[in-house]
Amino acid sequence: MTRGIYRRNKVFMQCTAILTAMTIIAVLSNVYKDIETLRDLITAIFQQGTTVIIALIAVTVACISYQSSQKRQENKGVYLNYLALMFMMIIFMLAGSIFKYLPITSKIYLIVFGLYFLLGMLLIISALVETYRIIRKTFE
């Protein structure tokens, strides 16, 4: 019974990841020529990303509190590294959310915005993967 639920959830997660990737590609292909819209998009993503990061921290803290004190001590380094990553990401997201106040003067900003967007997406994906790893470690 549990195996069937796990397989079904795994399929849903894979489909969600594929649909998300397709949506991101479609949106970027529509806004890459309009730097104003791209700036608004990146700002919105980073504002929402900050909320997601805070929620992931809350889930992880709940999982950590579920463990015995001995297990928490054994995995202390993993948890501290995770929290350091998440706090660094919050700072990154907050810095990205002020892009709308930068003046648009040349196409170089398009490159900067693009790189910042890619780095932000990679950090969000790494946060999701690390959160999954922490949750999995909790229930071992």
Protein backbone atom coordinates (compact mmCIF):
# COMPACT_ATOMS: atom_id res chain seq x y z
CA MET A 1 0.00 0.00 0.00
CA THR A 2 2.70 2.48 0.99
CA ARG A 3 4.78 1.63 -2.10
CA GLY A 4 1.83 2.50 -4.37
CA ILE A 5 1.35 5.86 -2.69
CA TYR A 6 5.08 6.58 -2.98
CA ARG A 7 5.12 5.71 -6.70
CA ARG A 8 2.04 7.82 -7.38
CA ASN A 9 3.51 10.78 -5.49
CA LYS A 10 6.80 10.35 -7.34
CA VAL A 11 4.96 10.51 -10.67
CA PHE A 12 3.07 13.63 -9.55
CA MET A 13 6.32 15.28 -8.44
CA GLN A 14 8.01 14.47 -11.76
CA CYS A 15 5.05 15.79 -13.76
CA THR A 16 5.00 18.95 -11.65
CA ALA A 17 8.72 19.48 -12.22
CA ILE A 18 8.33 19.02 -15.99
CA LEU A 19 5.34 21.37 -16.15
CA THR A 20 7.19 23.96 -14.08
CA ALA A 21 10.23 23.81 -16.35
CA MET A 22 8.02 24.19 -19.44
CA THR A 23 6.21 27.15 -17.87
CA ILE A 24 9.48 28.89 -16.99
CA ILE A 25 10.80 28.40 -20.52
CA ALA A 26 7.54 29.68 -22.05
CA VAL A 27 7.46 32.78 -19.82
CA LEU A 28 11.12 33.57 -20.42
CA SER A 29 10.73 33.19 -24.18
CA ASN A 30 7.91 35.74 -24.06
CA VAL A 31 9.61 38.35 -21.87
CA TYR A 32 13.29 38.16 -22.78
CA LYS A 33 13.03 41.06 -25.25
CA ASP A 34 11.19 43.36 -22.85
CA ILE A 35 13.61 44.16 -20.05
CA GLU A 36 10.95 46.02 -18.02
CA THR A 37 8.72 42.94 -17.88
CA LEU A 38 11.73 40.74 -17.16
CA ARG A 39 12.67 42.97 -14.24
CA ASP A 40 9.13 42.73 -12.84
CA LEU A 41 9.19 38.95 -13.30
CA ILE A 42 12.48 38.54 -11.46
CA THR A 43 11.34 40.82 -8.65
CA ALA A 44 8.12 38.83 -8.22
CA ILE A 45 10.00 35.52 -8.25
CA PHE A 46 12.40 36.69 -5.57
CA GLN A 47 9.61 38.05 -3.38
CA GLN A 48 7.78 34.73 -3.60
CA GLY A 49 11.04 32.84 -3.22
CA THR A 50 11.62 34.49 0.14
CA THR A 51 8.24 33.20 1.32
CA VAL A 52 9.03 29.70 0.04
CA ILE A 53 12.40 29.66 1.80
CA ILE A 54 10.83 30.69 5.11
CA ALA A 55 8.21 27.94 4.72
CA LEU A 56 10.91 25.35 3.97
CA ILE A 57 12.81 26.41 7.08
CA ALA A 58 9.63 25.97 9.14
CA VAL A 59 9.05 22.47 7.74
CA THR A 60 12.65 21.51 8.43
CA VAL A 61 12.57 22.83 12.00
CA ALA A 62 9.40 20.79 12.58
CA CYS A 63 11.17 17.68 11.27
CA ILE A 64 14.24 18.35 13.40
CA SER A 65 12.09 18.75 16.53
CA TYR A 66 10.48 15.39 15.75
CA GLN A 67 13.83 13.62 16.20
CA SER A 68 15.36 12.43 19.44
CA SER A 69 18.08 14.58 20.96
CA GLN A 70 20.69 11.92 20.14
CA LYS A 71 19.76 11.95 16.44
CA ARG A 72 19.79 15.76 16.44
CA GLN A 73 23.31 15.74 17.85
CA GLU A 74 24.45 13.19 15.24
CA ASN A 75 23.07 15.30 12.38
CA LYS A 76 23.92 18.69 13.86
CA GLY A 77 26.44 19.57 11.13
CA VAL A 78 23.97 18.76 8.36
CA TYR A 79 21.28 20.91 9.95
CA LEU A 80 23.59 23.86 10.56
CA ASN A 81 24.81 23.75 6.94
CA TYR A 82 21.21 23.64 5.75
CA LEU A 83 20.19 26.61 7.87
CA ALA A 84 23.24 28.58 6.71
CA LEU A 85 22.26 27.87 3.08
CA MET A 86 18.70 28.98 3.73
CA PHE A 87 19.66 32.21 5.46
CA MET A 88 22.09 33.02 2.65
CA MET A 89 19.25 32.41 0.19
CA ILE A 90 16.95 34.77 2.08
CA ILE A 91 19.56 37.50 1.74
CA PHE A 92 19.98 36.67 -1.95
CA MET A 93 16.22 36.79 -2.51
CA LEU A 94 15.84 40.08 -0.67
CA ALA A 95 18.64 41.60 -2.75
CA GLY A 96 16.92 40.36 -5.91
CA SER A 97 13.62 41.88 -4.90
CA ILE A 98 15.05 45.41 -5.18
CA PHE A 99 15.88 45.04 -8.89
CA LYS A 100 12.89 47.17 -9.80
CA TYR A 101 14.74 50.20 -8.44
CA LEU A 102 17.71 49.81 -10.80
CA PRO A 103 17.69 52.07 -13.85
CA ILE A 104 17.50 50.35 -17.20
CA THR A 105 20.20 51.96 -19.31
CA SER A 106 21.65 49.25 -21.53
CA LYS A 107 21.39 45.64 -22.62
CA ILE A 108 24.04 44.68 -20.08
CA TYR A 109 21.28 44.71 -17.48
CA LEU A 110 19.52 41.97 -19.44
CA ILE A 111 22.58 39.77 -18.97
CA VAL A 112 22.81 40.64 -15.27
CA PHE A 113 19.11 39.94 -14.77
CA GLY A 114 19.40 36.67 -16.67
CA LEU A 115 22.35 35.48 -14.61
CA TYR A 116 20.68 36.53 -11.39
CA PHE A 117 17.52 34.70 -12.45
CA LEU A 118 19.44 31.50 -13.28
CA LEU A 119 21.37 31.62 -10.02
CA GLY A 120 18.15 32.25 -8.11
CA MET A 121 16.40 29.30 -9.75
CA LEU A 122 19.38 27.04 -9.05
CA LEU A 123 19.36 28.11 -5.42
CA ILE A 124 15.62 27.48 -5.10
CA ILE A 125 16.02 24.01 -6.62
CA SER A 126 18.94 23.26 -4.30
CA ALA A 127 16.83 24.41 -1.34
CA LEU A 128 14.04 22.04 -2.33
CA VAL A 129 16.49 19.15 -2.75
CA GLU A 130 18.18 19.86 0.58
CA THR A 131 14.82 20.12 2.34
CA TYR A 132 13.82 16.76 0.89
CA ARG A 133 17.12 15.32 2.10
CA ILE A 134 16.56 16.68 5.63
CA ILE A 135 13.00 15.31 5.75
CA ARG A 136 14.22 11.94 4.53
CA LYS A 137 17.00 11.91 7.14
CA THR A 138 14.41 12.68 9.83
CA PHE A 139 12.41 9.54 9.11
CA GLU A 140 15.33 7.13 8.70
